[in-house]
Amino acid sequence: MGSTLQAEIKQSRPFASQEEEAVLNILRTADRIQYHLQQTLKPLGITPTQYNVLRILRGAGNGGLRCSDIGERLISSDPDITRLLTRLQKMRLVRRKRDPKDRRVIYTRISPRGMDLLEELDPVVCNHAKEVLQGLNKEKLGELISMLEEIRAPLSAKDSVQA
């Protein structure tokens, strides 16, 4: 009898290893969660990445952040942060300002309109997370978080060495 994932992706041959099956399960689960979050935010006119940027900028406070700093803090990497920030600026959710000491540096801050939108979105996203993980009790959630961090730690270490 094959795995649930094997049936979902209509794979007739067994996985080469449990590790392969586990990685594919993580990727498939992340994709499904991302898709459902996109569908949740779509009626509100914002993408998950845009929401993530607004949260990052809210946390940065009045000083704002440089483009590269925002990129480092994103949950999912985005190769074109500048274009993303331009879209948010056109939506009047962020403001950008050149550093007077170094005109090459631009700081982005969340606007009052962006803060208002976050107030509306935060409970929506929180409810989404609770809905997605409703089958897990606090103990299992803790285990899941620990296991994911354990998987990610050596990958993050490799990333910092290669950078």
C-alpha atoms as a PDB file:
ATOM      1  CA  MET A   1       0.000   0.000   0.000  1.00  0.00           C
ATOM      2  CA  GLY A   2       1.411   3.378  -1.025  1.00  0.00           C
ATOM      3  CA  SER A   3       1.541   6.572   0.963  1.00  0.00           C
ATOM      4  CA  THR A   4      -1.057   9.340   0.946  1.00  0.00           C
ATOM      5  CA  LEU A   5       1.364  11.602  -0.887  1.00  0.00           C
ATOM      6  CA  GLN A   6       2.015   8.911  -3.460  1.00  0.00           C
ATOM      7  CA  ALA A   7      -1.730   8.801  -4.205  1.00  0.00           C
ATOM      8  CA  GLU A   8      -2.081  12.616  -4.208  1.00  0.00           C
ATOM      9  CA  ILE A   9       0.612  13.095  -6.827  1.00  0.00           C
ATOM     10  CA  LYS A  10      -0.463   9.952  -8.707  1.00  0.00           C
ATOM     11  CA  GLN A  11       2.945   8.350  -8.414  1.00  0.00           C
ATOM     12  CA  SER A  12       2.835   4.639  -9.178  1.00  0.00           C
ATOM     13  CA  ARG A  13       6.392   3.762  -8.148  1.00  0.00           C
ATOM     14  CA  PRO A  14       7.491   3.843  -4.511  1.00  0.00           C
ATOM     15  CA  PHE A  15       9.699   6.684  -3.314  1.00  0.00           C
ATOM     16  CA  ALA A  16      13.426   6.051  -3.496  1.00  0.00           C
ATOM     17  CA  SER A  17      13.768   6.633   0.257  1.00  0.00           C
ATOM     18  CA  GLN A  18      11.875   7.787   3.323  1.00  0.00           C
ATOM     19  CA  GLU A  19      13.942  10.971   3.195  1.00  0.00           C
ATOM     20  CA  GLU A  20      12.690  11.685  -0.317  1.00  0.00           C
ATOM     21  CA  GLU A  21       9.110  11.040   0.759  1.00  0.00           C
ATOM     22  CA  ALA A  22       9.526  13.289   3.802  1.00  0.00           C
ATOM     23  CA  VAL A  23      11.001  16.171   1.757  1.00  0.00           C
ATOM     24  CA  LEU A  24       8.258  15.863  -0.851  1.00  0.00           C
ATOM     25  CA  ASN A  25       5.649  15.833   1.922  1.00  0.00           C
ATOM     26  CA  ILE A  26       7.104  19.049   3.369  1.00  0.00           C
ATOM     27  CA  LEU A  27       7.131  20.704  -0.065  1.00  0.00           C
ATOM     28  CA  ARG A  28       3.585  19.570  -0.876  1.00  0.00           C
ATOM     29  CA  THR A  29       2.297  20.731   2.513  1.00  0.00           C
ATOM     30  CA  ALA A  30       4.012  24.118   2.207  1.00  0.00           C
ATOM     31  CA  ASP A  31       2.515  24.538  -1.262  1.00  0.00           C
ATOM     32  CA  ARG A  32      -1.001  23.730  -0.020  1.00  0.00           C
ATOM     33  CA  ILE A  33      -0.688  26.106   2.946  1.00  0.00           C
ATOM     34  CA  GLN A  34       0.657  28.865   0.666  1.00  0.00           C
ATOM     35  CA  TYR A  35      -2.179  28.321  -1.826  1.00  0.00           C
ATOM     36  CA  HIS A  36      -4.840  28.522   0.887  1.00  0.00           C
ATOM     37  CA  LEU A  37      -3.260  31.673   2.314  1.00  0.00           C
ATOM     38  CA  GLN A  38      -3.243  33.234  -1.174  1.00  0.00           C
ATOM     39  CA  GLN A  39      -6.929  32.436  -1.552  1.00  0.00           C
ATOM     40  CA  THR A  40      -7.659  33.878   1.899  1.00  0.00           C
ATOM     41  CA  LEU A  41      -5.840  37.161   1.164  1.00  0.00           C
ATOM     42  CA  LYS A  42      -6.929  37.536  -2.481  1.00  0.00           C
ATOM     43  CA  PRO A  43     -10.300  39.206  -1.719  1.00  0.00           C
ATOM     44  CA  LEU A  44      -8.409  41.734   0.401  1.00  0.00           C
ATOM     45  CA  GLY A  45      -6.173  42.647  -2.557  1.00  0.00           C
ATOM     46  CA  ILE A  46      -2.833  41.534  -1.170  1.00  0.00           C
ATOM     47  CA  THR A  47      -0.445  38.612  -1.626  1.00  0.00           C
ATOM     48  CA  PRO A  48       1.191  36.595   1.163  1.00  0.00           C
ATOM     49  CA  THR A  49       4.585  38.117   0.302  1.00  0.00           C
ATOM     50  CA  GLN A  50       3.169  41.655   0.424  1.00  0.00           C
ATOM     51  CA  TYR A  51       1.600  40.844   3.800  1.00  0.00           C
ATOM     52  CA  ASN A  52       4.952  39.521   4.997  1.00  0.00           C
ATOM     53  CA  VAL A  53       6.709  42.740   3.916  1.00  0.00           C
ATOM     54  CA  LEU A  54       4.154  44.866   5.748  1.00  0.00           C
ATOM     55  CA  ARG A  55       4.652  42.807   8.920  1.00  0.00           C
ATOM     56  CA  ILE A  56       8.429  43.183   8.610  1.00  0.00           C
ATOM     57  CA  LEU A  57       8.137  46.955   8.182  1.00  0.00           C
ATOM     58  CA  ARG A  58       5.734  47.267  11.100  1.00  0.00           C
ATOM     59  CA  GLY A  59       8.315  45.501  13.256  1.00  0.00           C
ATOM     60  CA  ALA A  60      11.080  47.780  11.997  1.00  0.00           C
ATOM     61  CA  GLY A  61       9.386  50.862  13.428  1.00  0.00           C
ATOM     62  CA  ASN A  62       9.692  54.436  12.191  1.00  0.00           C
ATOM     63  CA  GLY A  63      13.233  54.031  10.883  1.00  0.00           C
ATOM     64  CA  GLY A  64      12.199  51.572   8.200  1.00  0.00           C
ATOM     65  CA  LEU A  65      14.539  49.159   6.474  1.00  0.00           C
ATOM     66  CA  ARG A  66      16.750  48.975   3.418  1.00  0.00           C
ATOM     67  CA  CYS A  67      15.654  46.705   0.583  1.00  0.00           C
ATOM     68  CA  SER A  68      18.335  44.111   1.377  1.00  0.00           C
ATOM     69  CA  ASP A  69      17.297  44.013   5.047  1.00  0.00           C
ATOM     70  CA  ILE A  70      13.696  43.316   4.049  1.00  0.00           C
ATOM     71  CA  GLY A  71      14.841  40.542   1.707  1.00  0.00           C
ATOM     72  CA  GLU A  72      16.799  38.835   4.497  1.00  0.00           C
ATOM     73  CA  ARG A  73      13.722  38.743   6.733  1.00  0.00           C
ATOM     74  CA  LEU A  74      11.190  37.410   4.231  1.00  0.00           C
ATOM     75  CA  ILE A  75       9.690  33.991   4.899  1.00  0.00           C
ATOM     76  CA  SER A  76       9.931  33.068   1.191  1.00  0.00           C
ATOM     77  CA  SER A  77      12.737  34.638  -0.793  1.00  0.00           C
ATOM     78  CA  ASP A  78      11.742  37.025  -3.571  1.00  0.00           C
ATOM     79  CA  PRO A  79      14.366  37.880  -6.188  1.00  0.00           C
ATOM     80  CA  ASP A  80      12.824  41.264  -7.003  1.00  0.00           C
ATOM     81  CA  ILE A  81      12.225  43.079  -3.727  1.00  0.00           C
ATOM     82  CA  THR A  82      12.477  46.470  -5.452  1.00  0.00           C
ATOM     83  CA  ARG A  83       9.519  45.731  -7.728  1.00  0.00           C
ATOM     84  CA  LEU A  84       7.541  44.347  -4.780  1.00  0.00           C
ATOM     85  CA  LEU A  85       8.173  47.544  -2.804  1.00  0.00           C
ATOM     86  CA  THR A  86       7.214  49.670  -5.811  1.00  0.00           C
ATOM     87  CA  ARG A  87       3.845  47.869  -5.996  1.00  0.00           C
ATOM     88  CA  LEU A  88       3.282  48.417  -2.274  1.00  0.00           C
ATOM     89  CA  GLN A  89       4.205  52.080  -2.693  1.00  0.00           C
ATOM     90  CA  LYS A  90       1.700  52.471  -5.557  1.00  0.00           C
ATOM     91  CA  MET A  91      -0.925  50.949  -3.245  1.00  0.00           C
ATOM     92  CA  ARG A  92       0.143  53.618  -0.705  1.00  0.00           C
ATOM     93  CA  LEU A  93       0.942  50.926   1.862  1.00  0.00           C
ATOM     94  CA  VAL A  94       4.602  51.905   2.217  1.00  0.00           C
ATOM     95  CA  ARG A  95       6.716  55.039   1.903  1.00  0.00           C
ATOM     96  CA  ARG A  96      10.268  55.221   0.645  1.00  0.00           C
ATOM     97  CA  LYS A  97      12.916  57.796   1.403  1.00  0.00           C
ATOM     98  CA  ARG A  98      16.554  58.183   0.400  1.00  0.00           C
ATOM     99  CA  ASP A  99      19.149  58.303   3.137  1.00  0.00           C
ATOM    100  CA  PRO A 100      20.423  61.911   3.250  1.00  0.00           C
ATOM    101  CA  LYS A 101      23.927  60.664   4.110  1.00  0.00           C
ATOM    102  CA  ASP A 102      24.081  58.118   1.285  1.00  0.00           C
ATOM    103  CA  ARG A 103      21.726  58.833  -1.617  1.00  0.00           C
ATOM    104  CA  ARG A 104      22.173  55.273  -2.925  1.00  0.00           C
ATOM    105  CA  VAL A 105      20.360  53.873   0.116  1.00  0.00           C
ATOM    106  CA  ILE A 106      16.562  53.941   0.245  1.00  0.00           C
ATOM    107  CA  TYR A 107      14.639  53.203   3.427  1.00  0.00           C
ATOM    108  CA  THR A 108      11.108  51.830   3.249  1.00  0.00           C
ATOM    109  CA  ARG A 109       8.590  52.366   6.042  1.00  0.00           C
ATOM    110  CA  ILE A 110       5.045  51.190   6.458  1.00  0.00           C
ATOM    111  CA  SER A 111       2.463  53.945   5.901  1.00  0.00           C
ATOM    112  CA  PRO A 112      -0.571  54.625   8.116  1.00  0.00           C
ATOM    113  CA  ARG A 113      -2.705  53.017   5.405  1.00  0.00           C
ATOM    114  CA  GLY A 114      -0.442  49.940   5.545  1.00  0.00           C
ATOM    115  CA  MET A 115      -0.837  49.804   9.333  1.00  0.00           C
ATOM    116  CA  ASP A 116      -4.618  49.973   8.960  1.00  0.00           C
ATOM    117  CA  LEU A 117      -4.559  47.135   6.447  1.00  0.00           C
ATOM    118  CA  LEU A 118      -2.418  45.013   8.788  1.00  0.00           C
ATOM    119  CA  GLU A 119      -4.929  45.542  11.587  1.00  0.00           C
ATOM    120  CA  GLU A 120      -7.562  44.109   9.269  1.00  0.00           C
ATOM    121  CA  LEU A 121      -5.357  41.274   7.990  1.00  0.00           C
ATOM    122  CA  ASP A 122      -3.738  40.046  11.207  1.00  0.00           C
ATOM    123  CA  PRO A 123      -6.832  38.263  12.560  1.00  0.00           C
ATOM    124  CA  VAL A 124      -7.568  36.817   9.102  1.00  0.00           C
ATOM    125  CA  VAL A 125      -4.075  35.338   8.854  1.00  0.00           C
ATOM    126  CA  CYS A 126      -4.170  34.135  12.467  1.00  0.00           C
ATOM    127  CA  ASN A 127      -7.481  32.361  11.842  1.00  0.00           C
ATOM    128  CA  HIS A 128      -6.020  30.840   8.664  1.00  0.00           C
ATOM    129  CA  ALA A 129      -3.106  29.384  10.635  1.00  0.00           C
ATOM    130  CA  LYS A 130      -5.448  27.981  13.276  1.00  0.00           C
ATOM    131  CA  GLU A 131      -7.677  26.464  10.601  1.00  0.00           C
ATOM    132  CA  VAL A 132      -4.764  24.880   8.731  1.00  0.00           C
ATOM    133  CA  LEU A 133      -3.309  23.343  11.906  1.00  0.00           C
ATOM    134  CA  GLN A 134      -6.575  22.629  13.718  1.00  0.00           C
ATOM    135  CA  GLY A 135      -5.851  18.891  13.908  1.00  0.00           C
ATOM    136  CA  LEU A 136      -2.738  19.382  16.021  1.00  0.00           C
ATOM    137  CA  ASN A 137      -2.777  19.898  19.776  1.00  0.00           C
ATOM    138  CA  LYS A 138      -0.200  22.122  21.534  1.00  0.00           C
ATOM    139  CA  GLU A 139       2.175  19.207  22.105  1.00  0.00           C
ATOM    140  CA  LYS A 140       2.142  18.160  18.451  1.00  0.00           C
ATOM    141  CA  LEU A 141       2.515  21.791  17.341  1.00  0.00           C
ATOM    142  CA  GLY A 142       5.586  22.086  19.568  1.00  0.00           C
ATOM    143  CA  GLU A 143       7.023  18.880  18.102  1.00  0.00           C
ATOM    144  CA  LEU A 144       6.335  20.082  14.556  1.00  0.00           C
ATOM    145  CA  ILE A 145       8.042  23.411  15.197  1.00  0.00           C
ATOM    146  CA  SER A 146      11.070  21.689  16.750  1.00  0.00           C
ATOM    147  CA  MET A 147      11.406  19.200  13.900  1.00  0.00           C
ATOM    148  CA  LEU A 148      11.120  21.887  11.217  1.00  0.00           C
ATOM    149  CA  GLU A 149      13.730  24.030  12.990  1.00  0.00           C
ATOM    150  CA  GLU A 150      15.988  20.983  13.293  1.00  0.00           C
ATOM    151  CA  ILE A 151      15.683  20.377   9.539  1.00  0.00           C
ATOM    152  CA  ARG A 152      16.246  24.038   8.664  1.00  0.00           C
ATOM    153  CA  ALA A 153      19.240  24.705  10.949  1.00  0.00           C
ATOM    154  CA  PRO A 154      21.947  22.963   8.895  1.00  0.00           C
ATOM    155  CA  LEU A 155      20.468  24.397   5.685  1.00  0.00           C
ATOM    156  CA  SER A 156      20.637  27.913   7.106  1.00  0.00           C
ATOM    157  CA  ALA A 157      24.232  27.308   8.203  1.00  0.00           C
ATOM    158  CA  LYS A 158      25.145  26.202   4.663  1.00  0.00           C
ATOM    159  CA  ASP A 159      23.425  29.283   3.218  1.00  0.00           C
ATOM    160  CA  SER A 160      25.456  31.660   5.404  1.00  0.00           C
ATOM    161  CA  VAL A 161      28.735  29.902   4.446  1.00  0.00           C
ATOM    162  CA  GLN A 162      27.904  30.159   0.711  1.00  0.00           C
ATOM    163  CA  ALA A 163      26.844  33.828   0.924  1.00  0.00           C
END
